[in-house]
Amino acid sequence: MAGVRAKLMNYRVSARKARLVADQVRGRQVEEALALLELSPKRVAQPIAKLLRSAVAGAEQKNLNERAGIDIDNLYISKITVDEGSSMWRIRPRAQMRANWIQKRTSHITVELEEH
């Protein structure tokens, strides 16, 4: 099987923070990863769980369309990557008429599922 892929683009969290959660679920079964993400206190855990459920739904749809014989219960996260997205630049006022540039980072999260 080639794998099922799902992407989340331009999510408003830095890639460094998202990689902490992605490293916890890499290589795990889908049910186990969803349980870990549900209990995680990190803010990015919920969108990653939603992305994972979207990838599972894509696998089910691919199974129906192509009759590929994918067993949904045997899916695991073969690859999860977090890349930096575009940044938004904002200005924060400072004392004595000065200003600092604030960089609001985004990230692209890609999940790829395969069957054992």
PDB file of N, CA and C in Angstrom:
ATOM      1  N   MET A   1       0.847  -1.188   0.000  1.00  0.00           N
ATOM      2  CA  MET A   1       0.000   0.000   0.000  1.00  0.00           C
ATOM      3  C   MET A   1       0.882   1.236   0.000  1.00  0.00           C
ATOM      4  N   ALA A   2       0.513   2.222  -0.770  1.00  0.00           N
ATOM      5  CA  ALA A   2       1.313   3.440  -0.901  1.00  0.00           C
ATOM      6  C   ALA A   2       1.164   4.346   0.303  1.00  0.00           C
ATOM      7  N   GLY A   3       0.060   4.278   1.000  1.00  0.00           N
ATOM      8  CA  GLY A   3      -0.141   5.137   2.168  1.00  0.00           C
ATOM      9  C   GLY A   3      -1.191   6.191   1.904  1.00  0.00           C
ATOM     10  N   VAL A   4      -1.753   6.680   2.983  1.00  0.00           N
ATOM     11  CA  VAL A   4      -2.769   7.719   2.920  1.00  0.00           C
ATOM     12  C   VAL A   4      -2.188   8.957   3.579  1.00  0.00           C
ATOM     13  N   ARG A   5      -2.331  10.095   2.923  1.00  0.00           N
ATOM     14  CA  ARG A   5      -1.716  11.318   3.413  1.00  0.00           C
ATOM     15  C   ARG A   5      -2.779  12.384   3.659  1.00  0.00           C
ATOM     16  N   ALA A   6      -2.574  13.148   4.729  1.00  0.00           N
ATOM     17  CA  ALA A   6      -3.435  14.295   5.038  1.00  0.00           C
ATOM     18  C   ALA A   6      -2.538  15.452   5.465  1.00  0.00           C
ATOM     19  N   LYS A   7      -2.926  16.668   5.090  1.00  0.00           N
ATOM     20  CA  LYS A   7      -2.115  17.847   5.388  1.00  0.00           C
ATOM     21  C   LYS A   7      -2.934  18.912   6.089  1.00  0.00           C
ATOM     22  N   LEU A   8      -2.276  19.604   6.989  1.00  0.00           N
ATOM     23  CA  LEU A   8      -2.829  20.781   7.646  1.00  0.00           C
ATOM     24  C   LEU A   8      -1.871  21.918   7.347  1.00  0.00           C
ATOM     25  N   MET A   9      -2.339  22.912   6.614  1.00  0.00           N
ATOM     26  CA  MET A   9      -1.464  23.984   6.156  1.00  0.00           C
ATOM     27  C   MET A   9      -1.735  25.264   6.948  1.00  0.00           C
ATOM     28  N   ASN A  10      -0.669  25.996   7.226  1.00  0.00           N
ATOM     29  CA  ASN A  10      -0.708  27.320   7.847  1.00  0.00           C
ATOM     30  C   ASN A  10      -1.447  27.333   9.184  1.00  0.00           C
ATOM     31  N   TYR A  11      -1.186  26.349  10.013  1.00  0.00           N
ATOM     32  CA  TYR A  11      -1.772  26.355  11.352  1.00  0.00           C
ATOM     33  C   TYR A  11      -0.959  27.292  12.228  1.00  0.00           C
ATOM     34  N   ARG A  12      -1.632  28.126  13.024  1.00  0.00           N
ATOM     35  CA  ARG A  12      -0.981  29.202  13.768  1.00  0.00           C
ATOM     36  C   ARG A  12      -0.326  28.701  15.051  1.00  0.00           C
ATOM     37  N   VAL A  13       0.735  27.931  14.895  1.00  0.00           N
ATOM     38  CA  VAL A  13       1.580  27.514  15.998  1.00  0.00           C
ATOM     39  C   VAL A  13       2.980  27.345  15.414  1.00  0.00           C
ATOM     40  N   SER A  14       3.991  27.585  16.213  1.00  0.00           N
ATOM     41  CA  SER A  14       5.342  27.440  15.702  1.00  0.00           C
ATOM     42  C   SER A  14       5.652  25.963  15.470  1.00  0.00           C
ATOM     43  N   ALA A  15       6.497  25.700  14.511  1.00  0.00           N
ATOM     44  CA  ALA A  15       6.843  24.326  14.162  1.00  0.00           C
ATOM     45  C   ALA A  15       7.547  23.628  15.320  1.00  0.00           C
ATOM     46  N   ARG A  16       8.298  24.372  16.084  1.00  0.00           N
ATOM     47  CA  ARG A  16       9.025  23.792  17.216  1.00  0.00           C
ATOM     48  C   ARG A  16       8.059  23.222  18.262  1.00  0.00           C
ATOM     49  N   LYS A  17       6.990  23.943  18.535  1.00  0.00           N
ATOM     50  CA  LYS A  17       5.994  23.467  19.502  1.00  0.00           C
ATOM     51  C   LYS A  17       5.216  22.274  18.955  1.00  0.00           C
ATOM     52  N   ALA A  18       4.904  22.298  17.666  1.00  0.00           N
ATOM     53  CA  ALA A  18       4.143  21.206  17.069  1.00  0.00           C
ATOM     54  C   ALA A  18       4.975  19.932  16.977  1.00  0.00           C
ATOM     55  N   ARG A  19       6.284  20.065  16.784  1.00  0.00           N
ATOM     56  CA  ARG A  19       7.140  18.877  16.693  1.00  0.00           C
ATOM     57  C   ARG A  19       7.197  18.107  18.006  1.00  0.00           C
ATOM     58  N   LEU A  20       7.030  18.796  19.130  1.00  0.00           N
ATOM     59  CA  LEU A  20       7.025  18.109  20.421  1.00  0.00           C
ATOM     60  C   LEU A  20       5.891  17.090  20.495  1.00  0.00           C
ATOM     61  N   VAL A  21       4.726  17.459  19.974  1.00  0.00           N
ATOM     62  CA  VAL A  21       3.569  16.556  19.995  1.00  0.00           C
ATOM     63  C   VAL A  21       3.700  15.510  18.891  1.00  0.00           C
ATOM     64  N   ALA A  22       4.209  15.914  17.721  1.00  0.00           N
ATOM     65  CA  ALA A  22       4.337  14.976  16.608  1.00  0.00           C
ATOM     66  C   ALA A  22       5.314  13.850  16.940  1.00  0.00           C
ATOM     67  N   ASP A  23       6.362  14.168  17.679  1.00  0.00           N
ATOM     68  CA  ASP A  23       7.339  13.136  18.046  1.00  0.00           C
ATOM     69  C   ASP A  23       6.745  12.090  18.978  1.00  0.00           C
ATOM     70  N   GLN A  24       5.740  12.450  19.751  1.00  0.00           N
ATOM     71  CA  GLN A  24       5.128  11.496  20.675  1.00  0.00           C
ATOM     72  C   GLN A  24       4.290  10.443  19.963  1.00  0.00           C
ATOM     73  N   VAL A  25       3.703  10.780  18.817  1.00  0.00           N
ATOM     74  CA  VAL A  25       2.783   9.851  18.157  1.00  0.00           C
ATOM     75  C   VAL A  25       3.390   9.168  16.937  1.00  0.00           C
ATOM     76  N   ARG A  26       4.579   9.555  16.533  1.00  0.00           N
ATOM     77  CA  ARG A  26       5.202   8.965  15.346  1.00  0.00           C
ATOM     78  C   ARG A  26       5.442   7.474  15.559  1.00  0.00           C
ATOM     79  N   GLY A  27       4.993   6.664  14.589  1.00  0.00           N
ATOM     80  CA  GLY A  27       5.204   5.218  14.635  1.00  0.00           C
ATOM     81  C   GLY A  27       4.169   4.441  15.422  1.00  0.00           C
ATOM     82  N   ARG A  28       3.189   5.091  15.993  1.00  0.00           N
ATOM     83  CA  ARG A  28       2.189   4.417  16.821  1.00  0.00           C
ATOM     84  C   ARG A  28       0.956   4.033  16.006  1.00  0.00           C
ATOM     85  N   GLN A  29       0.174   3.107  16.573  1.00  0.00           N
ATOM     86  CA  GLN A  29      -1.118   2.756  15.995  1.00  0.00           C
ATOM     87  C   GLN A  29      -2.045   3.958  16.095  1.00  0.00           C
ATOM     88  N   VAL A  30      -3.036   4.037  15.227  1.00  0.00           N
ATOM     89  CA  VAL A  30      -3.921   5.198  15.180  1.00  0.00           C
ATOM     90  C   VAL A  30      -4.715   5.350  16.468  1.00  0.00           C
ATOM     91  N   GLU A  31      -5.270   4.255  16.996  1.00  0.00           N
ATOM     92  CA  GLU A  31      -6.075   4.357  18.220  1.00  0.00           C
ATOM     93  C   GLU A  31      -5.223   4.819  19.399  1.00  0.00           C
ATOM     94  N   GLU A  32      -4.020   4.287  19.495  1.00  0.00           N
ATOM     95  CA  GLU A  32      -3.118   4.663  20.580  1.00  0.00           C
ATOM     96  C   GLU A  32      -2.711   6.134  20.465  1.00  0.00           C
ATOM     97  N   ALA A  33      -2.448   6.577  19.245  1.00  0.00           N
ATOM     98  CA  ALA A  33      -2.065   7.969  19.026  1.00  0.00           C
ATOM     99  C   ALA A  33      -3.217   8.918  19.361  1.00  0.00           C
ATOM    100  N   LEU A  34      -4.437   8.555  18.994  1.00  0.00           N
ATOM    101  CA  LEU A  34      -5.591   9.403  19.312  1.00  0.00           C
ATOM    102  C   LEU A  34      -5.813   9.490  20.819  1.00  0.00           C
ATOM    103  N   ALA A  35      -5.579   8.388  21.531  1.00  0.00           N
ATOM    104  CA  ALA A  35      -5.716   8.415  22.988  1.00  0.00           C
ATOM    105  C   ALA A  35      -4.659   9.315  23.623  1.00  0.00           C
ATOM    106  N   LEU A  36      -3.437   9.256  23.117  1.00  0.00           N
ATOM    107  CA  LEU A  36      -2.372  10.125  23.619  1.00  0.00           C
ATOM    108  C   LEU A  36      -2.675  11.598  23.352  1.00  0.00           C
ATOM    109  N   LEU A  37      -3.170  11.881  22.154  1.00  0.00           N
ATOM    110  CA  LEU A  37      -3.459  13.264  21.790  1.00  0.00           C
ATOM    111  C   LEU A  37      -4.620  13.829  22.595  1.00  0.00           C
ATOM    112  N   GLU A  38      -5.578  12.982  22.918  1.00  0.00           N
ATOM    113  CA  GLU A  38      -6.728  13.434  23.696  1.00  0.00           C
ATOM    114  C   GLU A  38      -6.316  13.852  25.111  1.00  0.00           C
ATOM    115  N   LEU A  39      -5.321  13.184  25.662  1.00  0.00           N
ATOM    116  CA  LEU A  39      -4.880  13.474  27.024  1.00  0.00           C
ATOM    117  C   LEU A  39      -3.741  14.493  27.086  1.00  0.00           C
ATOM    118  N   SER A  40      -3.241  14.902  25.950  1.00  0.00           N
ATOM    119  CA  SER A  40      -2.110  15.825  25.934  1.00  0.00           C
ATOM    120  C   SER A  40      -2.554  17.241  26.311  1.00  0.00           C
ATOM    121  N   PRO A  41      -1.776  17.935  27.147  1.00  0.00           N
ATOM    122  CA  PRO A  41      -2.151  19.303  27.522  1.00  0.00           C
ATOM    123  C   PRO A  41      -1.771  20.353  26.483  1.00  0.00           C
ATOM    124  N   LYS A  42      -1.039  19.964  25.454  1.00  0.00           N
ATOM    125  CA  LYS A  42      -0.593  20.925  24.441  1.00  0.00           C
ATOM    126  C   LYS A  42      -1.754  21.357  23.554  1.00  0.00           C
ATOM    127  N   ARG A  43      -1.752  22.629  23.161  1.00  0.00           N
ATOM    128  CA  ARG A  43      -2.822  23.185  22.338  1.00  0.00           C
ATOM    129  C   ARG A  43      -2.846  22.576  20.942  1.00  0.00           C
ATOM    130  N   VAL A  44      -1.689  22.217  20.408  1.00  0.00           N
ATOM    131  CA  VAL A  44      -1.607  21.693  19.054  1.00  0.00           C
ATOM    132  C   VAL A  44      -2.064  20.237  18.971  1.00  0.00           C
ATOM    133  N   ALA A  45      -2.299  19.574  20.105  1.00  0.00           N
ATOM    134  CA  ALA A  45      -2.698  18.167  20.092  1.00  0.00           C
ATOM    135  C   ALA A  45      -4.079  17.974  19.450  1.00  0.00           C
ATOM    136  N   GLN A  46      -5.000  18.896  19.693  1.00  0.00           N
ATOM    137  CA  GLN A  46      -6.350  18.749  19.124  1.00  0.00           C
ATOM    138  C   GLN A  46      -6.367  18.852  17.599  1.00  0.00           C
ATOM    139  N   PRO A  47      -5.695  19.826  16.985  1.00  0.00           N
ATOM    140  CA  PRO A  47      -5.672  19.840  15.513  1.00  0.00           C
ATOM    141  C   PRO A  47      -4.954  18.635  14.909  1.00  0.00           C
ATOM    142  N   ILE A  48      -3.927  18.124  15.580  1.00  0.00           N
ATOM    143  CA  ILE A  48      -3.243  16.939  15.059  1.00  0.00           C
ATOM    144  C   ILE A  48      -4.171  15.729  15.148  1.00  0.00           C
ATOM    145  N   ALA A  49      -4.951  15.630  16.214  1.00  0.00           N
ATOM    146  CA  ALA A  49      -5.921  14.534  16.338  1.00  0.00           C
ATOM    147  C   ALA A  49      -6.981  14.639  15.241  1.00  0.00           C
ATOM    148  N   LYS A  50      -7.429  15.843  14.972  1.00  0.00           N
ATOM    149  CA  LYS A  50      -8.418  16.050  13.911  1.00  0.00           C
ATOM    150  C   LYS A  50      -7.833  15.674  12.547  1.00  0.00           C
ATOM    151  N   LEU A  51      -6.567  16.031  12.329  1.00  0.00           N
ATOM    152  CA  LEU A  51      -5.889  15.678  11.083  1.00  0.00           C
ATOM    153  C   LEU A  51      -5.739  14.162  10.960  1.00  0.00           C
ATOM    154  N   LEU A  52      -5.448  13.504  12.066  1.00  0.00           N
ATOM    155  CA  LEU A  52      -5.311  12.051  12.066  1.00  0.00           C
ATOM    156  C   LEU A  52      -6.642  11.370  11.744  1.00  0.00           C
ATOM    157  N   ARG A  53      -7.732  11.887  12.326  1.00  0.00           N
ATOM    158  CA  ARG A  53      -9.057  11.336  12.000  1.00  0.00           C
ATOM    159  C   ARG A  53      -9.405  11.584  10.533  1.00  0.00           C
ATOM    160  N   SER A  54      -8.971  12.706   9.991  1.00  0.00           N
ATOM    161  CA  SER A  54      -9.194  12.999   8.578  1.00  0.00           C
ATOM    162  C   SER A  54      -8.433  12.023   7.692  1.00  0.00           C
ATOM    163  N   ALA A  55      -7.214  11.667   8.084  1.00  0.00           N
ATOM    164  CA  ALA A  55      -6.435  10.697   7.314  1.00  0.00           C
ATOM    165  C   ALA A  55      -7.089   9.316   7.355  1.00  0.00           C
ATOM    166  N   VAL A  56      -7.648   8.950   8.505  1.00  0.00           N
ATOM    167  CA  VAL A  56      -8.347   7.659   8.617  1.00  0.00           C
ATOM    168  C   VAL A  56      -9.587   7.662   7.725  1.00  0.00           C
ATOM    169  N   ALA A  57     -10.316   8.776   7.706  1.00  0.00           N
ATOM    170  CA  ALA A  57     -11.488   8.881   6.830  1.00  0.00           C
ATOM    171  C   ALA A  57     -11.080   8.796   5.367  1.00  0.00           C
ATOM    172  N   GLY A  58      -9.926   9.378   5.041  1.00  0.00           N
ATOM    173  CA  GLY A  58      -9.417   9.275   3.674  1.00  0.00           C
ATOM    174  C   GLY A  58      -9.058   7.842   3.316  1.00  0.00           C
ATOM    175  N   ALA A  59      -8.529   7.101   4.280  1.00  0.00           N
ATOM    176  CA  ALA A  59      -8.208   5.690   4.045  1.00  0.00           C
ATOM    177  C   ALA A  59      -9.478   4.876   3.824  1.00  0.00           C
ATOM    178  N   GLU A  60     -10.525   5.186   4.593  1.00  0.00           N
ATOM    179  CA  GLU A  60     -11.807   4.492   4.400  1.00  0.00           C
ATOM    180  C   GLU A  60     -12.383   4.808   3.024  1.00  0.00           C
ATOM    181  N   GLN A  61     -12.296   6.061   2.622  1.00  0.00           N
ATOM    182  CA  GLN A  61     -12.819   6.450   1.309  1.00  0.00           C
ATOM    183  C   GLN A  61     -12.022   5.799   0.191  1.00  0.00           C
ATOM    184  N   LYS A  62     -10.704   5.753   0.365  1.00  0.00           N
ATOM    185  CA  LYS A  62      -9.852   5.104  -0.632  1.00  0.00           C
ATOM    186  C   LYS A  62     -10.169   3.613  -0.713  1.00  0.00           C
ATOM    187  N   ASN A  63     -10.476   3.019   0.434  1.00  0.00           N
ATOM    188  CA  ASN A  63     -10.824   1.608   0.493  1.00  0.00           C
ATOM    189  C   ASN A  63     -12.125   1.343  -0.265  1.00  0.00           C
ATOM    190  N   LEU A  64     -13.099   2.258  -0.108  1.00  0.00           N
ATOM    191  CA  LEU A  64     -14.378   2.088  -0.801  1.00  0.00           C
ATOM    192  C   LEU A  64     -14.238   2.294  -2.299  1.00  0.00           C
ATOM    193  N   ASN A  65     -13.473   3.300  -2.704  1.00  0.00           N
ATOM    194  CA  ASN A  65     -13.365   3.633  -4.124  1.00  0.00           C
ATOM    195  C   ASN A  65     -12.524   2.628  -4.897  1.00  0.00           C
ATOM    196  N   GLU A  66     -11.412   2.212  -4.327  1.00  0.00           N
ATOM    197  CA  GLU A  66     -10.490   1.360  -5.066  1.00  0.00           C
ATOM    198  C   GLU A  66     -10.597  -0.106  -4.704  1.00  0.00           C
ATOM    199  N   ARG A  67     -11.370  -0.411  -3.660  1.00  0.00           N
ATOM    200  CA  ARG A  67     -11.469  -1.784  -3.162  1.00  0.00           C
ATOM    201  C   ARG A  67     -10.073  -2.334  -2.889  1.00  0.00           C
ATOM    202  N   ALA A  68      -9.266  -1.508  -2.220  1.00  0.00           N
ATOM    203  CA  ALA A  68      -7.861  -1.844  -1.987  1.00  0.00           C
ATOM    204  C   ALA A  68      -7.678  -2.882  -0.893  1.00  0.00           C
ATOM    205  N   GLY A  69      -8.689  -3.102  -0.077  1.00  0.00           N
ATOM    206  CA  GLY A  69      -8.576  -4.072   0.988  1.00  0.00           C
ATOM    207  C   GLY A  69      -7.755  -3.572   2.166  1.00  0.00           C
ATOM    208  N   ILE A  70      -7.857  -2.289   2.459  1.00  0.00           N
ATOM    209  CA  ILE A  70      -7.127  -1.709   3.579  1.00  0.00           C
ATOM    210  C   ILE A  70      -7.862  -2.057   4.869  1.00  0.00           C
ATOM    211  N   ASP A  71      -7.137  -2.587   5.828  1.00  0.00           N
ATOM    212  CA  ASP A  71      -7.714  -2.855   7.140  1.00  0.00           C
ATOM    213  C   ASP A  71      -7.502  -1.608   8.004  1.00  0.00           C
ATOM    214  N   ILE A  72      -8.574  -0.908   8.308  1.00  0.00           N
ATOM    215  CA  ILE A  72      -8.504   0.363   9.037  1.00  0.00           C
ATOM    216  C   ILE A  72      -7.939   0.156  10.443  1.00  0.00           C
ATOM    217  N   ASP A  73      -8.182  -1.018  11.032  1.00  0.00           N
ATOM    218  CA  ASP A  73      -7.706  -1.280  12.396  1.00  0.00           C
ATOM    219  C   ASP A  73      -6.191  -1.469  12.464  1.00  0.00           C
ATOM    220  N   ASN A  74      -5.542  -1.749  11.334  1.00  0.00           N
ATOM    221  CA  ASN A  74      -4.094  -1.980  11.322  1.00  0.00           C
ATOM    222  C   ASN A  74      -3.298  -0.768  10.849  1.00  0.00           C
ATOM    223  N   LEU A  75      -3.923   0.390  10.772  1.00  0.00           N
ATOM    224  CA  LEU A  75      -3.204   1.578  10.324  1.00  0.00           C
ATOM    225  C   LEU A  75      -2.303   2.114  11.432  1.00  0.00           C
ATOM    226  N   TYR A  76      -1.139   2.586  11.036  1.00  0.00           N
ATOM    227  CA  TYR A  76      -0.228   3.235  11.971  1.00  0.00           C
ATOM    228  C   TYR A  76       0.356   4.478  11.304  1.00  0.00           C
ATOM    229  N   ILE A  77       0.906   5.355  12.110  1.00  0.00           N
ATOM    230  CA  ILE A  77       1.478   6.604  11.596  1.00  0.00           C
ATOM    231  C   ILE A  77       2.891   6.302  11.122  1.00  0.00           C
ATOM    232  N   SER A  78       3.065   6.186   9.823  1.00  0.00           N
ATOM    233  CA  SER A  78       4.384   5.871   9.291  1.00  0.00           C
ATOM    234  C   SER A  78       5.259   7.109   9.198  1.00  0.00           C
ATOM    235  N   LYS A  79       4.629   8.254   8.985  1.00  0.00           N
ATOM    236  CA  LYS A  79       5.401   9.481   8.817  1.00  0.00           C
ATOM    237  C   LYS A  79       4.551  10.661   9.266  1.00  0.00           C
ATOM    238  N   ILE A  80       5.129  11.525  10.102  1.00  0.00           N
ATOM    239  CA  ILE A  80       4.470  12.764  10.469  1.00  0.00           C
ATOM    240  C   ILE A  80       5.551  13.838  10.476  1.00  0.00           C
ATOM    241  N   THR A  81       5.336  14.862   9.668  1.00  0.00           N
ATOM    242  CA  THR A  81       6.330  15.927   9.556  1.00  0.00           C
ATOM    243  C   THR A  81       5.678  17.258   9.893  1.00  0.00           C
ATOM    244  N   VAL A  82       6.474  18.120  10.486  1.00  0.00           N
ATOM    245  CA  VAL A  82       6.037  19.475  10.805  1.00  0.00           C
ATOM    246  C   VAL A  82       7.049  20.435  10.183  1.00  0.00           C
ATOM    247  N   ASP A  83       6.608  21.201   9.210  1.00  0.00           N
ATOM    248  CA  ASP A  83       7.470  22.154   8.515  1.00  0.00           C
ATOM    249  C   ASP A  83       7.030  23.567   8.844  1.00  0.00           C
ATOM    250  N   GLU A  84       7.946  24.498   8.691  1.00  0.00           N
ATOM    251  CA  GLU A  84       7.616  25.895   8.930  1.00  0.00           C
ATOM    252  C   GLU A  84       6.782  26.441   7.776  1.00  0.00           C
ATOM    253  N   GLY A  85       5.769  27.204   8.131  1.00  0.00           N
ATOM    254  CA  GLY A  85       4.956  27.874   7.133  1.00  0.00           C
ATOM    255  C   GLY A  85       5.367  29.326   7.024  1.00  0.00           C
ATOM    256  N   SER A  86       4.509  30.116   6.424  1.00  0.00           N
ATOM    257  CA  SER A  86       4.799  31.533   6.305  1.00  0.00           C
ATOM    258  C   SER A  86       4.618  32.217   7.664  1.00  0.00           C
ATOM    259  N   SER A  87       5.270  33.349   7.827  1.00  0.00           N
ATOM    260  CA  SER A  87       5.185  34.091   9.081  1.00  0.00           C
ATOM    261  C   SER A  87       4.463  35.401   8.861  1.00  0.00           C
ATOM    262  N   MET A  88       3.700  35.785   9.871  1.00  0.00           N
ATOM    263  CA  MET A  88       3.050  37.093   9.841  1.00  0.00           C
ATOM    264  C   MET A  88       3.884  38.024  10.704  1.00  0.00           C
ATOM    265  N   TRP A  89       4.125  39.215  10.227  1.00  0.00           N
ATOM    266  CA  TRP A  89       4.891  40.201  10.979  1.00  0.00           C
ATOM    267  C   TRP A  89       3.962  41.245  11.545  1.00  0.00           C
ATOM    268  N   ARG A  90       4.093  41.508  12.835  1.00  0.00           N
ATOM    269  CA  ARG A  90       3.272  42.500  13.513  1.00  0.00           C
ATOM    270  C   ARG A  90       4.188  43.468  14.244  1.00  0.00           C
ATOM    271  N   ILE A  91       3.663  44.639  14.581  1.00  0.00           N
ATOM    272  CA  ILE A  91       4.442  45.641  15.300  1.00  0.00           C
ATOM    273  C   ILE A  91       3.885  45.780  16.706  1.00  0.00           C
ATOM    274  N   ARG A  92       4.779  45.734  17.688  1.00  0.00           N
ATOM    275  CA  ARG A  92       4.391  45.934  19.078  1.00  0.00           C
ATOM    276  C   ARG A  92       4.976  47.262  19.554  1.00  0.00           C
ATOM    277  N   PRO A  93       4.131  48.172  20.017  1.00  0.00           N
ATOM    278  CA  PRO A  93       4.641  49.458  20.513  1.00  0.00           C
ATOM    279  C   PRO A  93       5.475  49.274  21.776  1.00  0.00           C
ATOM    280  N   ARG A  94       6.519  50.069  21.884  1.00  0.00           N
ATOM    281  CA  ARG A  94       7.408  50.048  23.031  1.00  0.00           C
ATOM    282  C   ARG A  94       7.547  51.459  23.606  1.00  0.00           C
ATOM    283  N   ALA A  95       8.302  51.565  24.635  1.00  0.00           N
ATOM    284  CA  ALA A  95       8.467  52.852  25.313  1.00  0.00           C
ATOM    285  C   ALA A  95       9.231  53.841  24.429  1.00  0.00           C
ATOM    286  N   GLN A  96       8.993  55.113  24.663  1.00  0.00           N
ATOM    287  CA  GLN A  96       9.681  56.221  24.008  1.00  0.00           C
ATOM    288  C   GLN A  96       9.562  56.166  22.489  1.00  0.00           C
ATOM    289  N   MET A  97       8.358  55.888  22.008  1.00  0.00           N
ATOM    290  CA  MET A  97       8.021  55.920  20.576  1.00  0.00           C
ATOM    291  C   MET A  97       8.792  54.888  19.745  1.00  0.00           C
ATOM    292  N   ARG A  98       9.240  53.827  20.374  1.00  0.00           N
ATOM    293  CA  ARG A  98       9.932  52.766  19.642  1.00  0.00           C
ATOM    294  C   ARG A  98       8.934  51.660  19.313  1.00  0.00           C
ATOM    295  N   ALA A  99       9.389  50.737  18.473  1.00  0.00           N
ATOM    296  CA  ALA A  99       8.535  49.607  18.101  1.00  0.00           C
ATOM    297  C   ALA A  99       9.402  48.371  17.903  1.00  0.00           C
ATOM    298  N   ASN A 100       8.857  47.224  18.251  1.00  0.00           N
ATOM    299  CA  ASN A 100       9.517  45.942  18.006  1.00  0.00           C
ATOM    300  C   ASN A 100       8.694  45.155  17.007  1.00  0.00           C
ATOM    301  N   TRP A 101       9.375  44.416  16.144  1.00  0.00           N
ATOM    302  CA  TRP A 101       8.704  43.524  15.213  1.00  0.00           C
ATOM    303  C   TRP A 101       8.463  42.186  15.895  1.00  0.00           C
ATOM    304  N   ILE A 102       7.251  41.696  15.814  1.00  0.00           N
ATOM    305  CA  ILE A 102       6.868  40.400  16.369  1.00  0.00           C
ATOM    306  C   ILE A 102       6.575  39.465  15.204  1.00  0.00           C
ATOM    307  N   GLN A 103       7.168  38.272  15.251  1.00  0.00           N
ATOM    308  CA  GLN A 103       6.973  37.299  14.185  1.00  0.00           C
ATOM    309  C   GLN A 103       5.987  36.237  14.662  1.00  0.00           C
ATOM    310  N   LYS A 104       4.835  36.152  14.006  1.00  0.00           N
ATOM    311  CA  LYS A 104       3.827  35.147  14.330  1.00  0.00           C
ATOM    312  C   LYS A 104       3.992  33.992  13.342  1.00  0.00           C
ATOM    313  N   ARG A 105       4.449  32.879  13.852  1.00  0.00           N
ATOM    314  CA  ARG A 105       4.823  31.759  12.988  1.00  0.00           C
ATOM    315  C   ARG A 105       3.643  30.823  12.711  1.00  0.00           C
ATOM    316  N   THR A 106       3.712  30.141  11.573  1.00  0.00           N
ATOM    317  CA  THR A 106       2.738  29.112  11.227  1.00  0.00           C
ATOM    318  C   THR A 106       3.499  27.836  10.872  1.00  0.00           C
ATOM    319  N   SER A 107       2.767  26.743  10.778  1.00  0.00           N
ATOM    320  CA  SER A 107       3.407  25.476  10.439  1.00  0.00           C
ATOM    321  C   SER A 107       2.503  24.646   9.532  1.00  0.00           C
ATOM    322  N   HIS A 108       3.146  23.778   8.766  1.00  0.00           N
ATOM    323  CA  HIS A 108       2.461  22.813   7.911  1.00  0.00           C
ATOM    324  C   HIS A 108       2.689  21.432   8.513  1.00  0.00           C
ATOM    325  N   ILE A 109       1.597  20.716   8.786  1.00  0.00           N
ATOM    326  CA  ILE A 109       1.690  19.393   9.399  1.00  0.00           C
ATOM    327  C   ILE A 109       1.187  18.359   8.393  1.00  0.00           C
ATOM    328  N   THR A 110       1.994  17.329   8.154  1.00  0.00           N
ATOM    329  CA  THR A 110       1.644  16.267   7.214  1.00  0.00           C
ATOM    330  C   THR A 110       1.668  14.931   7.940  1.00  0.00           C
ATOM    331  N   VAL A 111       0.594  14.159   7.793  1.00  0.00           N
ATOM    332  CA  VAL A 111       0.496  12.826   8.397  1.00  0.00           C
ATOM    333  C   VAL A 111       0.344  11.808   7.285  1.00  0.00           C
ATOM    334  N   GLU A 112       1.126  10.734   7.369  1.00  0.00           N
ATOM    335  CA  GLU A 112       1.009   9.660   6.405  1.00  0.00           C
ATOM    336  C   GLU A 112       0.767   8.350   7.155  1.00  0.00           C
ATOM    337  N   LEU A 113      -0.295   7.656   6.774  1.00  0.00           N
ATOM    338  CA  LEU A 113      -0.667   6.394   7.425  1.00  0.00           C
ATOM    339  C   LEU A 113      -0.368   5.227   6.487  1.00  0.00           C
ATOM    340  N   GLU A 114       0.073   4.118   7.071  1.00  0.00           N
ATOM    341  CA  GLU A 114       0.268   2.893   6.328  1.00  0.00           C
ATOM    342  C   GLU A 114      -0.295   1.730   7.128  1.00  0.00           C
ATOM    343  N   GLU A 115      -0.445   0.605   6.455  1.00  0.00           N
ATOM    344  CA  GLU A 115      -1.006  -0.586   7.088  1.00  0.00           C
ATOM    345  C   GLU A 115       0.129  -1.516   7.488  1.00  0.00           C
ATOM    346  N   HIS A 116       0.010  -2.116   8.681  1.00  0.00           N
ATOM    347  CA  HIS A 116       1.028  -3.080   9.141  1.00  0.00           C
ATOM    348  C   HIS A 116       1.025  -4.297   8.276  1.00  0.00           C
TER     349      HIS A 116
END
